[in-house]
PDB file of all heavy atoms in Angstrom:
ATOM      1  N   PRO A   1      79.872 106.223 113.587  1.00  0.00           N
ATOM      2  CA  PRO A   1      79.703 106.388 112.136  1.00  0.00           C
ATOM      3  C   PRO A   1      80.950 106.017 111.347  1.00  0.00           C
ATOM      4  O   PRO A   1      80.852 105.493 110.227  1.00  0.00           O
ATOM      5  CB  PRO A   1      79.374 107.885 111.989  1.00  0.00           C
ATOM      6  CG  PRO A   1      78.779 108.271 113.298  1.00  0.00           C
ATOM      7  CD  PRO A   1      79.531 107.473 114.308  1.00  0.00           C
ATOM      8  N   MET A   2      82.141 106.271 111.932  1.00  0.00           N
ATOM      9  CA  MET A   2      83.374 105.896 111.246  1.00  0.00           C
ATOM     10  C   MET A   2      83.476 104.368 111.110  1.00  0.00           C
ATOM     11  O   MET A   2      83.894 103.845 110.070  1.00  0.00           O
ATOM     12  CB  MET A   2      84.590 106.421 112.011  1.00  0.00           C
ATOM     13  CG  MET A   2      84.763 107.935 112.009  1.00  0.00           C
ATOM     14  SD  MET A   2      85.023 108.626 110.360  1.00  0.00           S
ATOM     15  CE  MET A   2      83.436 109.417 110.089  1.00  0.00           C
ATOM     16  N   LYS A   3      83.094 103.659 112.169  1.00  0.00           N
ATOM     17  CA  LYS A   3      83.142 102.193 112.134  1.00  0.00           C
ATOM     18  C   LYS A   3      82.164 101.645 111.096  1.00  0.00           C
ATOM     19  O   LYS A   3      82.476 100.694 110.370  1.00  0.00           O
ATOM     20  CB  LYS A   3      82.810 101.622 113.517  1.00  0.00           C
ATOM     21  CG  LYS A   3      83.878 101.871 114.567  1.00  0.00           C
ATOM     22  CD  LYS A   3      83.415 101.347 115.943  1.00  0.00           C
ATOM     23  CE  LYS A   3      84.430 101.657 117.027  1.00  0.00           C
ATOM     24  NZ  LYS A   3      83.945 101.209 118.370  1.00  0.00           N
ATOM     25  N   VAL A   4      80.984 102.229 111.038  1.00  0.00           N
ATOM     26  CA  VAL A   4      79.991 101.787 110.057  1.00  0.00           C
ATOM     27  C   VAL A   4      80.500 102.043 108.642  1.00  0.00           C
ATOM     28  O   VAL A   4      80.367 101.196 107.749  1.00  0.00           O
ATOM     29  CB  VAL A   4      78.646 102.494 110.288  1.00  0.00           C
ATOM     30  CG1 VAL A   4      77.650 102.123 109.188  1.00  0.00           C
ATOM     31  CG2 VAL A   4      78.080 102.123 111.650  1.00  0.00           C
ATOM     32  N   THR A   5      81.096 103.207 108.437  1.00  0.00           N
ATOM     33  CA  THR A   5      81.643 103.543 107.125  1.00  0.00           C
ATOM     34  C   THR A   5      82.779 102.602 106.744  1.00  0.00           C
ATOM     35  O   THR A   5      82.901 102.190 105.585  1.00  0.00           O
ATOM     36  CB  THR A   5      82.144 105.002 107.111  1.00  0.00           C
ATOM     37  OG1 THR A   5      81.080 105.868 107.518  1.00  0.00           O
ATOM     38  CG2 THR A   5      82.607 105.407 105.723  1.00  0.00           C
ATOM     39  N   MET A   6      83.604 102.243 107.719  1.00  0.00           N
ATOM     40  CA  MET A   6      84.679 101.287 107.458  1.00  0.00           C
ATOM     41  C   MET A   6      84.116  99.927 107.081  1.00  0.00           C
ATOM     42  O   MET A   6      84.663  99.233 106.207  1.00  0.00           O
ATOM     43  CB  MET A   6      85.581 101.171 108.690  1.00  0.00           C
ATOM     44  CG  MET A   6      86.737 100.193 108.519  1.00  0.00           C
ATOM     45  SD  MET A   6      87.863 100.635 107.167  1.00  0.00           S
ATOM     46  CE  MET A   6      88.760 102.002 107.926  1.00  0.00           C
ATOM     47  N   LEU A   7      83.019  99.528 107.710  1.00  0.00           N
ATOM     48  CA  LEU A   7      82.371  98.267 107.359  1.00  0.00           C
ATOM     49  C   LEU A   7      81.892  98.287 105.915  1.00  0.00           C
ATOM     50  O   LEU A   7      82.108  97.332 105.155  1.00  0.00           O
ATOM     51  CB  LEU A   7      81.193  98.009 108.302  1.00  0.00           C
ATOM     52  CG  LEU A   7      80.259  96.841 107.933  1.00  0.00           C
ATOM     53  CD1 LEU A   7      81.013  95.517 107.988  1.00  0.00           C
ATOM     54  CD2 LEU A   7      79.046  96.805 108.851  1.00  0.00           C
ATOM     55  N   VAL A   8      81.262  99.390 105.517  1.00  0.00           N
ATOM     56  CA  VAL A   8      80.783  99.517 104.136  1.00  0.00           C
ATOM     57  C   VAL A   8      81.963  99.516 103.167  1.00  0.00           C
ATOM     58  O   VAL A   8      81.917  98.882 102.105  1.00  0.00           O
ATOM     59  CB  VAL A   8      79.946 100.799 103.980  1.00  0.00           C
ATOM     60  CG1 VAL A   8      79.532 100.991 102.518  1.00  0.00           C
ATOM     61  CG2 VAL A   8      78.713 100.745 104.871  1.00  0.00           C
ATOM     62  N   ALA A   9      83.040 100.207 103.531  1.00  0.00           N
ATOM     63  CA  ALA A   9      84.237 100.239 102.681  1.00  0.00           C
ATOM     64  C   ALA A   9      84.819  98.840 102.513  1.00  0.00           C
ATOM     65  O   ALA A   9      85.261  98.460 101.419  1.00  0.00           O
ATOM     66  CB  ALA A   9      85.276 101.181 103.284  1.00  0.00           C
ATOM     67  N   PHE A  10      84.825  98.076 103.607  1.00  0.00           N
ATOM     68  CA  PHE A  10      85.343  96.703 103.536  1.00  0.00           C
ATOM     69  C   PHE A  10      84.499  95.853 102.591  1.00  0.00           C
ATOM     70  O   PHE A  10      85.039  95.071 101.800  1.00  0.00           O
ATOM     71  CB  PHE A  10      85.370  96.087 104.932  1.00  0.00           C
ATOM     72  CG  PHE A  10      85.763  94.636 104.941  1.00  0.00           C
ATOM     73  CD1 PHE A  10      87.084  94.263 104.764  1.00  0.00           C
ATOM     74  CD2 PHE A  10      84.810  93.643 105.124  1.00  0.00           C
ATOM     75  CE1 PHE A  10      87.448  92.911 104.756  1.00  0.00           C
ATOM     76  CE2 PHE A  10      85.164  92.309 105.120  1.00  0.00           C
ATOM     77  CZ  PHE A  10      86.487  91.943 104.938  1.00  0.00           C
ATOM     78  N   LEU A  11      83.180  96.004 102.663  1.00  0.00           N
ATOM     79  CA  LEU A  11      82.304  95.222 101.793  1.00  0.00           C
ATOM     80  C   LEU A  11      82.509  95.600 100.332  1.00  0.00           C
ATOM     81  O   LEU A  11      82.482  94.734  99.449  1.00  0.00           O
ATOM     82  CB  LEU A  11      80.843  95.443 102.193  1.00  0.00           C
ATOM     83  CG  LEU A  11      80.428  94.866 103.542  1.00  0.00           C
ATOM     84  CD1 LEU A  11      79.006  95.266 103.874  1.00  0.00           C
ATOM     85  CD2 LEU A  11      80.575  93.351 103.550  1.00  0.00           C
ATOM     86  N   ILE A  12      82.715  96.889 100.067  1.00  0.00           N
ATOM     87  CA  ILE A  12      82.947  97.331  98.695  1.00  0.00           C
ATOM     88  C   ILE A  12      84.276  96.789  98.173  1.00  0.00           C
ATOM     89  O   ILE A  12      84.391  96.360  97.016  1.00  0.00           O
ATOM     90  CB  ILE A  12      82.922  98.875  98.621  1.00  0.00           C
ATOM     91  CG1 ILE A  12      81.505  99.386  98.895  1.00  0.00           C
ATOM     92  CG2 ILE A  12      83.414  99.368  97.260  1.00  0.00           C
ATOM     93  CD1 ILE A  12      81.404 100.895  98.992  1.00  0.00           C
ATOM     94  N   ALA A  13      85.302  96.806  99.024  1.00  0.00           N
ATOM     95  CA  ALA A  13      86.638  96.372  98.614  1.00  0.00           C
ATOM     96  C   ALA A  13      86.834  94.865  98.737  1.00  0.00           C
ATOM     97  O   ALA A  13      87.900  94.359  98.354  1.00  0.00           O
ATOM     98  CB  ALA A  13      87.702  97.098  99.445  1.00  0.00           C
ATOM     99  N   LEU A  14      85.854  94.155  99.257  1.00  0.00           N
ATOM    100  CA  LEU A  14      86.019  92.721  99.503  1.00  0.00           C
ATOM    101  C   LEU A  14      86.384  91.927  98.246  1.00  0.00           C
ATOM    102  O   LEU A  14      87.206  90.998  98.336  1.00  0.00           O
ATOM    103  CB  LEU A  14      84.750  92.155 100.144  1.00  0.00           C
ATOM    104  CG  LEU A  14      84.833  90.713 100.668  1.00  0.00           C
ATOM    105  CD1 LEU A  14      85.996  90.558 101.646  1.00  0.00           C
ATOM    106  CD2 LEU A  14      83.519  90.307 101.332  1.00  0.00           C
ATOM    107  N   PRO A  15      85.823  92.236  97.064  1.00  0.00           N
ATOM    108  CA  PRO A  15      86.277  91.501  95.870  1.00  0.00           C
ATOM    109  C   PRO A  15      87.777  91.647  95.620  1.00  0.00           C
ATOM    110  O   PRO A  15      88.437  90.689  95.211  1.00  0.00           O
ATOM    111  CB  PRO A  15      85.454  92.144  94.740  1.00  0.00           C
ATOM    112  CG  PRO A  15      84.222  92.647  95.408  1.00  0.00           C
ATOM    113  CD  PRO A  15      84.671  93.120  96.753  1.00  0.00           C
ATOM    114  N   VAL A  16      88.318  92.834  95.878  1.00  0.00           N
ATOM    115  CA  VAL A  16      89.761  93.040  95.708  1.00  0.00           C
ATOM    116  C   VAL A  16      90.531  92.226  96.740  1.00  0.00           C
ATOM    117  O   VAL A  16      91.554  91.600  96.429  1.00  0.00           O
ATOM    118  CB  VAL A  16      90.120  94.536  95.827  1.00  0.00           C
ATOM    119  CG1 VAL A  16      91.631  94.748  95.704  1.00  0.00           C
ATOM    120  CG2 VAL A  16      89.387  95.353  94.777  1.00  0.00           C
ATOM    121  N   VAL A  17      90.048  92.227  97.978  1.00  0.00           N
ATOM    122  CA  VAL A  17      90.697  91.456  99.040  1.00  0.00           C
ATOM    123  C   VAL A  17      90.693  89.972  98.695  1.00  0.00           C
ATOM    124  O   VAL A  17      91.720  89.282  98.827  1.00  0.00           O
ATOM    125  CB  VAL A  17      89.975  91.686 100.390  1.00  0.00           C
ATOM    126  CG1 VAL A  17      90.561  90.799 101.475  1.00  0.00           C
ATOM    127  CG2 VAL A  17      90.078  93.155 100.803  1.00  0.00           C
ATOM    128  N   MET A  18      89.552  89.476  98.209  1.00  0.00           N
ATOM    129  CA  MET A  18      89.454  88.056  97.874  1.00  0.00           C
ATOM    130  C   MET A  18      90.318  87.721  96.665  1.00  0.00           C
ATOM    131  O   MET A  18      90.901  86.628  96.580  1.00  0.00           O
ATOM    132  CB  MET A  18      87.987  87.689  97.621  1.00  0.00           C
ATOM    133  CG  MET A  18      87.104  87.897  98.833  1.00  0.00           C
ATOM    134  SD  MET A  18      85.358  87.555  98.539  1.00  0.00           S
ATOM    135  CE  MET A  18      85.325  85.778  98.677  1.00  0.00           C
ATOM    136  N   TYR A  19      90.435  88.651  95.718  1.00  0.00           N
ATOM    137  CA  TYR A  19      91.310  88.416  94.562  1.00  0.00           C
ATOM    138  C   TYR A  19      92.766  88.317  94.994  1.00  0.00           C
ATOM    139  O   TYR A  19      93.514  87.451  94.516  1.00  0.00           O
ATOM    140  CB  TYR A  19      91.156  89.532  93.526  1.00  0.00           C
ATOM    141  CG  TYR A  19      92.204  89.449  92.432  1.00  0.00           C
ATOM    142  CD1 TYR A  19      92.084  88.517  91.406  1.00  0.00           C
ATOM    143  CD2 TYR A  19      93.334  90.277  92.464  1.00  0.00           C
ATOM    144  CE1 TYR A  19      93.056  88.416  90.423  1.00  0.00           C
ATOM    145  CE2 TYR A  19      94.308  90.181  91.480  1.00  0.00           C
ATOM    146  CZ  TYR A  19      94.166  89.246  90.463  1.00  0.00           C
ATOM    147  OH  TYR A  19      95.146  89.136  89.499  1.00  0.00           O
ATOM    148  N   GLN A  20      93.196  89.199  95.904  1.00  0.00           N
ATOM    149  CA  GLN A  20      94.572  89.146  96.396  1.00  0.00           C
ATOM    150  C   GLN A  20      94.847  87.827  97.105  1.00  0.00           C
ATOM    151  O   GLN A  20      95.927  87.242  96.961  1.00  0.00           O
ATOM    152  CB  GLN A  20      94.843  90.329  97.339  1.00  0.00           C
ATOM    153  CG  GLN A  20      94.779  91.702  96.680  1.00  0.00           C
ATOM    154  CD  GLN A  20      95.793  91.859  95.560  1.00  0.00           C
ATOM    155  OE1 GLN A  20      96.888  91.316  95.612  1.00  0.00           O
ATOM    156  NE2 GLN A  20      95.430  92.637  94.545  1.00  0.00           N
ATOM    157  N   LEU A  21      93.878  87.350  97.861  1.00  0.00           N
ATOM    158  CA  LEU A  21      94.028  86.058  98.525  1.00  0.00           C
ATOM    159  C   LEU A  21      94.124  84.940  97.500  1.00  0.00           C
ATOM    160  O   LEU A  21      94.981  84.045  97.604  1.00  0.00           O
ATOM    161  CB  LEU A  21      92.841  85.820  99.463  1.00  0.00           C
ATOM    162  CG  LEU A  21      92.796  84.471 100.175  1.00  0.00           C
ATOM    163  CD1 LEU A  21      94.010  84.300 101.079  1.00  0.00           C
ATOM    164  CD2 LEU A  21      91.511  84.329 100.983  1.00  0.00           C
ATOM    165  N   TRP A  22      93.256  84.991  96.489  1.00  0.00           N
ATOM    166  CA  TRP A  22      93.274  83.978  95.440  1.00  0.00           C
ATOM    167  C   TRP A  22      94.594  83.998  94.684  1.00  0.00           C
ATOM    168  O   TRP A  22      95.175  82.942  94.392  1.00  0.00           O
ATOM    169  CB  TRP A  22      92.110  84.218  94.483  1.00  0.00           C
ATOM    170  CG  TRP A  22      92.108  83.262  93.316  1.00  0.00           C
ATOM    171  CD1 TRP A  22      91.602  82.002  93.288  1.00  0.00           C
ATOM    172  CD2 TRP A  22      92.642  83.499  92.003  1.00  0.00           C
ATOM    173  NE1 TRP A  22      91.789  81.431  92.052  1.00  0.00           N
ATOM    174  CE2 TRP A  22      92.427  82.325  91.247  1.00  0.00           C
ATOM    175  CE3 TRP A  22      93.271  84.586  91.407  1.00  0.00           C
ATOM    176  CZ2 TRP A  22      92.827  82.214  89.916  1.00  0.00           C
ATOM    177  CZ3 TRP A  22      93.678  84.476  90.085  1.00  0.00           C
ATOM    178  CH2 TRP A  22      93.446  83.305  89.350  1.00  0.00           C
ATOM    179  N   ALA A  23      95.095  85.187  94.346  1.00  0.00           N
ATOM    180  CA  ALA A  23      96.351  85.300  93.601  1.00  0.00           C
ATOM    181  C   ALA A  23      97.527  84.748  94.401  1.00  0.00           C
ATOM    182  O   ALA A  23      98.501  84.243  93.826  1.00  0.00           O
ATOM    183  CB  ALA A  23      96.610  86.757  93.228  1.00  0.00           C
ATOM    184  N   PHE A  24      97.431  84.820  95.729  1.00  0.00           N
ATOM    185  CA  PHE A  24      98.523  84.327  96.572  1.00  0.00           C
ATOM    186  C   PHE A  24      98.536  82.801  96.647  1.00  0.00           C
ATOM    187  O   PHE A  24      99.604  82.174  96.615  1.00  0.00           O
ATOM    188  CB  PHE A  24      98.407  84.917  97.975  1.00  0.00           C
ATOM    189  CG  PHE A  24      99.467  84.444  98.923  1.00  0.00           C
ATOM    190  CD1 PHE A  24     100.783  84.882  98.813  1.00  0.00           C
ATOM    191  CD2 PHE A  24      99.150  83.547  99.941  1.00  0.00           C
ATOM    192  CE1 PHE A  24     101.769  84.436  99.679  1.00  0.00           C
ATOM    193  CE2 PHE A  24     100.124  83.088 100.810  1.00  0.00           C
ATOM    194  CZ  PHE A  24     101.434  83.544 100.686  1.00  0.00           C
ATOM    195  N   ILE A  25      97.355  82.200  96.730  1.00  0.00           N
ATOM    196  CA  ILE A  25      97.306  80.741  96.918  1.00  0.00           C
ATOM    197  C   ILE A  25      97.186  79.976  95.603  1.00  0.00           C
ATOM    198  O   ILE A  25      97.449  78.768  95.574  1.00  0.00           O
ATOM    199  CB  ILE A  25      96.132  80.341  97.844  1.00  0.00           C
ATOM    200  CG1 ILE A  25      94.781  80.667  97.176  1.00  0.00           C
ATOM    201  CG2 ILE A  25      96.240  81.034  99.189  1.00  0.00           C
ATOM    202  CD1 ILE A  25      93.588  80.177  97.957  1.00  0.00           C
ATOM    203  N   ALA A  26      96.820  80.659  94.502  1.00  0.00           N
ATOM    204  CA  ALA A  26      96.576  79.971  93.231  1.00  0.00           C
ATOM    205  C   ALA A  26      97.767  79.159  92.724  1.00  0.00           C
ATOM    206  O   ALA A  26      97.581  78.039  92.236  1.00  0.00           O
ATOM    207  CB  ALA A  26      96.131  80.976  92.169  1.00  0.00           C
ATOM    208  N   PRO A  27      99.008  79.667  92.811  1.00  0.00           N
ATOM    209  CA  PRO A  27     100.134  78.875  92.280  1.00  0.00           C
ATOM    210  C   PRO A  27     100.311  77.521  92.944  1.00  0.00           C
ATOM    211  O   PRO A  27     100.901  76.610  92.347  1.00  0.00           O
ATOM    212  CB  PRO A  27     101.354  79.780  92.555  1.00  0.00           C
ATOM    213  CG  PRO A  27     100.795  81.164  92.603  1.00  0.00           C
ATOM    214  CD  PRO A  27      99.450  81.008  93.236  1.00  0.00           C
ATOM    215  N   GLY A  28      99.835  77.354  94.156  1.00  0.00           N
ATOM    216  CA  GLY A  28      99.986  76.081  94.860  1.00  0.00           C
ATOM    217  C   GLY A  28      98.805  75.139  94.705  1.00  0.00           C
ATOM    218  O   GLY A  28      98.772  74.081  95.343  1.00  0.00           O
ATOM    219  N   LEU A  29      97.835  75.513  93.856  1.00  0.00           N
ATOM    220  CA  LEU A  29      96.634  74.693  93.692  1.00  0.00           C
ATOM    221  C   LEU A  29      96.720  73.836  92.441  1.00  0.00           C
ATOM    222  O   LEU A  29      97.418  74.180  91.481  1.00  0.00           O
ATOM    223  CB  LEU A  29      95.390  75.584  93.605  1.00  0.00           C
ATOM    224  CG  LEU A  29      95.066  76.456  94.828  1.00  0.00           C
ATOM    225  CD1 LEU A  29      93.871  77.345  94.512  1.00  0.00           C
ATOM    226  CD2 LEU A  29      94.787  75.598  96.052  1.00  0.00           C
ATOM    227  N   TYR A  30      96.021  72.711  92.458  1.00  0.00           N
ATOM    228  CA  TYR A  30      95.859  71.922  91.252  1.00  0.00           C
ATOM    229  C   TYR A  30      95.003  72.702  90.258  1.00  0.00           C
ATOM    230  O   TYR A  30      94.251  73.599  90.632  1.00  0.00           O
ATOM    231  CB  TYR A  30      95.193  70.584  91.564  1.00  0.00           C
ATOM    232  CG  TYR A  30      96.023  69.671  92.429  1.00  0.00           C
ATOM    233  CD1 TYR A  30      95.590  69.316  93.711  1.00  0.00           C
ATOM    234  CD2 TYR A  30      97.236  69.157  91.972  1.00  0.00           C
ATOM    235  CE1 TYR A  30      96.345  68.470  94.511  1.00  0.00           C
ATOM    236  CE2 TYR A  30      97.994  68.320  92.763  1.00  0.00           C
ATOM    237  CZ  TYR A  30      97.550  67.982  94.039  1.00  0.00           C
ATOM    238  OH  TYR A  30      98.299  67.152  94.822  1.00  0.00           O
ATOM    239  N   LEU A  31      95.117  72.321  88.999  1.00  0.00           N
ATOM    240  CA  LEU A  31      94.395  73.047  87.960  1.00  0.00           C
ATOM    241  C   LEU A  31      92.890  72.984  88.173  1.00  0.00           C
ATOM    242  O   LEU A  31      92.190  73.989  88.030  1.00  0.00           O
ATOM    243  CB  LEU A  31      94.761  72.473  86.583  1.00  0.00           C
ATOM    244  CG  LEU A  31      94.134  73.175  85.372  1.00  0.00           C
ATOM    245  CD1 LEU A  31      94.526  74.648  85.356  1.00  0.00           C
ATOM    246  CD2 LEU A  31      94.569  72.494  84.079  1.00  0.00           C
ATOM    247  N   HIS A  32      92.377  71.806  88.538  1.00  0.00           N
ATOM    248  CA  HIS A  32      90.927  71.689  88.739  1.00  0.00           C
ATOM    249  C   HIS A  32      90.483  72.488  89.962  1.00  0.00           C
ATOM    250  O   HIS A  32      89.351  72.949  90.034  1.00  0.00           O
ATOM    251  CB  HIS A  32      90.517  70.218  88.876  1.00  0.00           C
ATOM    252  CG  HIS A  32      90.917  69.576  90.161  1.00  0.00           C
ATOM    253  ND1 HIS A  32      92.167  69.028  90.366  1.00  0.00           N
ATOM    254  CD2 HIS A  32      90.242  69.403  91.332  1.00  0.00           C
ATOM    255  CE1 HIS A  32      92.238  68.532  91.578  1.00  0.00           C
ATOM    256  NE2 HIS A  32      91.091  68.753  92.198  1.00  0.00           N
ATOM    257  N   GLU A  33      91.384  72.674  90.928  1.00  0.00           N
ATOM    258  CA  GLU A  33      91.054  73.483  92.100  1.00  0.00           C
ATOM    259  C   GLU A  33      91.016  74.962  91.729  1.00  0.00           C
ATOM    260  O   GLU A  33      90.179  75.707  92.227  1.00  0.00           O
ATOM    261  CB  GLU A  33      92.076  73.233  93.203  1.00  0.00           C
ATOM    262  CG  GLU A  33      91.983  71.851  93.821  1.00  0.00           C
ATOM    263  CD  GLU A  33      93.090  71.548  94.808  1.00  0.00           C
ATOM    264  OE1 GLU A  33      94.158  72.191  94.725  1.00  0.00           O
ATOM    265  OE2 GLU A  33      92.902  70.674  95.665  1.00  0.00           O
ATOM    266  N   ARG A  34      91.922  75.372  90.848  1.00  0.00           N
ATOM    267  CA  ARG A  34      91.919  76.772  90.403  1.00  0.00           C
ATOM    268  C   ARG A  34      90.645  77.099  89.633  1.00  0.00           C
ATOM    269  O   ARG A  34      90.122  78.204  89.725  1.00  0.00           O
ATOM    270  CB  ARG A  34      93.145  77.036  89.524  1.00  0.00           C
ATOM    271  CG  ARG A  34      94.387  77.380  90.316  1.00  0.00           C
ATOM    272  CD  ARG A  34      95.504  77.805  89.410  1.00  0.00           C
ATOM    273  NE  ARG A  34      96.411  76.706  89.163  1.00  0.00           N
ATOM    274  CZ  ARG A  34      97.413  76.751  88.290  1.00  0.00           C
ATOM    275  NH1 ARG A  34      97.589  77.821  87.559  1.00  0.00           N
ATOM    276  NH2 ARG A  34      98.202  75.719  88.124  1.00  0.00           N
ATOM    277  N   ARG A  35      90.157  76.128  88.870  1.00  0.00           N
ATOM    278  CA  ARG A  35      88.910  76.347  88.130  1.00  0.00           C
ATOM    279  C   ARG A  35      87.726  76.489  89.074  1.00  0.00           C
ATOM    280  O   ARG A  35      86.740  77.152  88.756  1.00  0.00           O
ATOM    281  CB  ARG A  35      88.670  75.178  87.173  1.00  0.00           C
ATOM    282  CG  ARG A  35      89.645  75.121  86.006  1.00  0.00           C
ATOM    283  CD  ARG A  35      89.488  73.824  85.245  1.00  0.00           C
ATOM    284  NE  ARG A  35      90.415  73.739  84.118  1.00  0.00           N
ATOM    285  CZ  ARG A  35      90.721  72.613  83.491  1.00  0.00           C
ATOM    286  NH1 ARG A  35      90.152  71.464  83.881  1.00  0.00           N
ATOM    287  NH2 ARG A  35      91.567  72.612  82.476  1.00  0.00           N
ATOM    288  N   LEU A  36      87.822  75.870  90.230  1.00  0.00           N
ATOM    289  CA  LEU A  36      86.725  75.911  91.194  1.00  0.00           C
ATOM    290  C   LEU A  36      86.765  77.157  92.069  1.00  0.00           C
ATOM    291  O   LEU A  36      85.724  77.622  92.547  1.00  0.00           O
ATOM    292  CB  LEU A  36      86.785  74.662  92.083  1.00  0.00           C
ATOM    293  CG  LEU A  36      85.629  74.431  93.061  1.00  0.00           C
ATOM    294  CD1 LEU A  36      84.317  74.247  92.308  1.00  0.00           C
ATOM    295  CD2 LEU A  36      85.911  73.226  93.942  1.00  0.00           C
ATOM    296  N   ILE A  37      87.961  77.731  92.254  1.00  0.00           N
ATOM    297  CA  ILE A  37      88.125  78.851  93.183  1.00  0.00           C
ATOM    298  C   ILE A  37      87.307  80.068  92.764  1.00  0.00           C
ATOM    299  O   ILE A  37      86.597  80.665  93.581  1.00  0.00           O
ATOM    300  CB  ILE A  37      89.616  79.236  93.304  1.00  0.00           C
ATOM    301  CG1 ILE A  37      90.343  78.239  94.206  1.00  0.00           C
ATOM    302  CG2 ILE A  37      89.767  80.635  93.876  1.00  0.00           C
ATOM    303  CD1 ILE A  37      89.929  78.320  95.660  1.00  0.00           C
ATOM    304  N   LEU A  38      87.370  80.453  91.495  1.00  0.00           N
ATOM    305  CA  LEU A  38      86.675  81.668  91.051  1.00  0.00           C
ATOM    306  C   LEU A  38      85.173  81.597  91.275  1.00  0.00           C
ATOM    307  O   LEU A  38      84.591  82.525  91.854  1.00  0.00           O
ATOM    308  CB  LEU A  38      87.008  81.957  89.583  1.00  0.00           C
ATOM    309  CG  LEU A  38      86.465  83.283  89.034  1.00  0.00           C
ATOM    310  CD1 LEU A  38      87.011  84.453  89.837  1.00  0.00           C
ATOM    311  CD2 LEU A  38      86.812  83.437  87.554  1.00  0.00           C
ATOM    312  N   PRO A  39      84.488  80.512  90.862  1.00  0.00           N
ATOM    313  CA  PRO A  39      83.053  80.427  91.171  1.00  0.00           C
ATOM    314  C   PRO A  39      82.771  80.448  92.670  1.00  0.00           C
ATOM    315  O   PRO A  39      81.784  81.042  93.110  1.00  0.00           O
ATOM    316  CB  PRO A  39      82.630  79.086  90.556  1.00  0.00           C
ATOM    317  CG  PRO A  39      83.655  78.793  89.525  1.00  0.00           C
ATOM    318  CD  PRO A  39      84.931  79.378  90.019  1.00  0.00           C
ATOM    319  N   LEU A  40      83.643  79.825  93.463  1.00  0.00           N
ATOM    320  CA  LEU A  40      83.438  79.815  94.911  1.00  0.00           C
ATOM    321  C   LEU A  40      83.596  81.203  95.507  1.00  0.00           C
ATOM    322  O   LEU A  40      82.829  81.606  96.387  1.00  0.00           O
ATOM    323  CB  LEU A  40      84.424  78.846  95.572  1.00  0.00           C
ATOM    324  CG  LEU A  40      84.137  77.351  95.396  1.00  0.00           C
ATOM    325  CD1 LEU A  40      85.213  76.523  96.080  1.00  0.00           C
ATOM    326  CD2 LEU A  40      82.761  76.992  95.936  1.00  0.00           C
ATOM    327  N   VAL A  41      84.596  81.949  95.024  1.00  0.00           N
ATOM    328  CA  VAL A  41      84.819  83.303  95.531  1.00  0.00           C
ATOM    329  C   VAL A  41      83.625  84.194  95.202  1.00  0.00           C
ATOM    330  O   VAL A  41      83.111  84.927  96.056  1.00  0.00           O
ATOM    331  CB  VAL A  41      86.116  83.892  94.949  1.00  0.00           C
ATOM    332  CG1 VAL A  41      86.195  85.393  95.212  1.00  0.00           C
ATOM    333  CG2 VAL A  41      87.337  83.196  95.558  1.00  0.00           C
ATOM    334  N   ILE A  42      83.162  84.119  93.954  1.00  0.00           N
ATOM    335  CA  ILE A  42      82.039  84.955  93.529  1.00  0.00           C
ATOM    336  C   ILE A  42      80.765  84.587  94.296  1.00  0.00           C
ATOM    337  O   ILE A  42      80.048  85.466  94.795  1.00  0.00           O
ATOM    338  CB  ILE A  42      81.807  84.811  92.009  1.00  0.00           C
ATOM    339  CG1 ILE A  42      83.004  85.389  91.238  1.00  0.00           C
ATOM    340  CG2 ILE A  42      80.522  85.522  91.589  1.00  0.00           C
ATOM    341  CD1 ILE A  42      82.932  85.159  89.745  1.00  0.00           C
ATOM    342  N   SER A  43      80.502  83.290  94.406  1.00  0.00           N
ATOM    343  CA  SER A  43      79.286  82.861  95.109  1.00  0.00           C
ATOM    344  C   SER A  43      79.369  83.173  96.602  1.00  0.00           C
ATOM    345  O   SER A  43      78.364  83.549  97.215  1.00  0.00           O
ATOM    346  CB  SER A  43      79.051  81.368  94.888  1.00  0.00           C
ATOM    347  OG  SER A  43      80.146  80.603  95.354  1.00  0.00           O
ATOM    348  N   SER A  44      80.564  83.047  97.195  1.00  0.00           N
ATOM    349  CA  SER A  44      80.724  83.361  98.619  1.00  0.00           C
ATOM    350  C   SER A  44      80.438  84.834  98.881  1.00  0.00           C
ATOM    351  O   SER A  44      79.735  85.180  99.838  1.00  0.00           O
ATOM    352  CB  SER A  44      82.140  83.009  99.082  1.00  0.00           C
ATOM    353  OG  SER A  44      82.383  81.633  98.979  1.00  0.00           O
ATOM    354  N   TYR A  45      80.980  85.691  98.034  1.00  0.00           N
ATOM    355  CA  TYR A  45      80.760  87.132  98.195  1.00  0.00           C
ATOM    356  C   TYR A  45      79.275  87.466  98.020  1.00  0.00           C
ATOM    357  O   TYR A  45      78.689  88.213  98.819  1.00  0.00           O
ATOM    358  CB  TYR A  45      81.598  87.895  97.184  1.00  0.00           C
ATOM    359  CG  TYR A  45      81.407  89.397  97.232  1.00  0.00           C
ATOM    360  CD1 TYR A  45      81.912  90.137  98.294  1.00  0.00           C
ATOM    361  CD2 TYR A  45      80.733  90.067  96.218  1.00  0.00           C
ATOM    362  CE1 TYR A  45      81.740  91.518  98.348  1.00  0.00           C
ATOM    363  CE2 TYR A  45      80.557  91.440  96.266  1.00  0.00           C
ATOM    364  CZ  TYR A  45      81.070  92.156  97.334  1.00  0.00           C
ATOM    365  OH  TYR A  45      80.892  93.523  97.375  1.00  0.00           O
ATOM    366  N   ALA A  46      78.676  86.906  96.961  1.00  0.00           N
ATOM    367  CA  ALA A  46      77.269  87.200  96.684  1.00  0.00           C
ATOM    368  C   ALA A  46      76.375  86.706  97.827  1.00  0.00           C
ATOM    369  O   ALA A  46      75.465  87.420  98.269  1.00  0.00           O
ATOM    370  CB  ALA A  46      76.856  86.553  95.366  1.00  0.00           C
TER     371      ALA A  46
END
């Protein structure tokens, strides 16, 4: 049950995890790539 709960917690926190990843790599991306990242992150999660 603890493992299952951790899985659910990870899914709930996944937008935060993906945002932290995006914030780390965004400075090294081209502008058009940064515009594409947010829709890709949202669609990937969904």
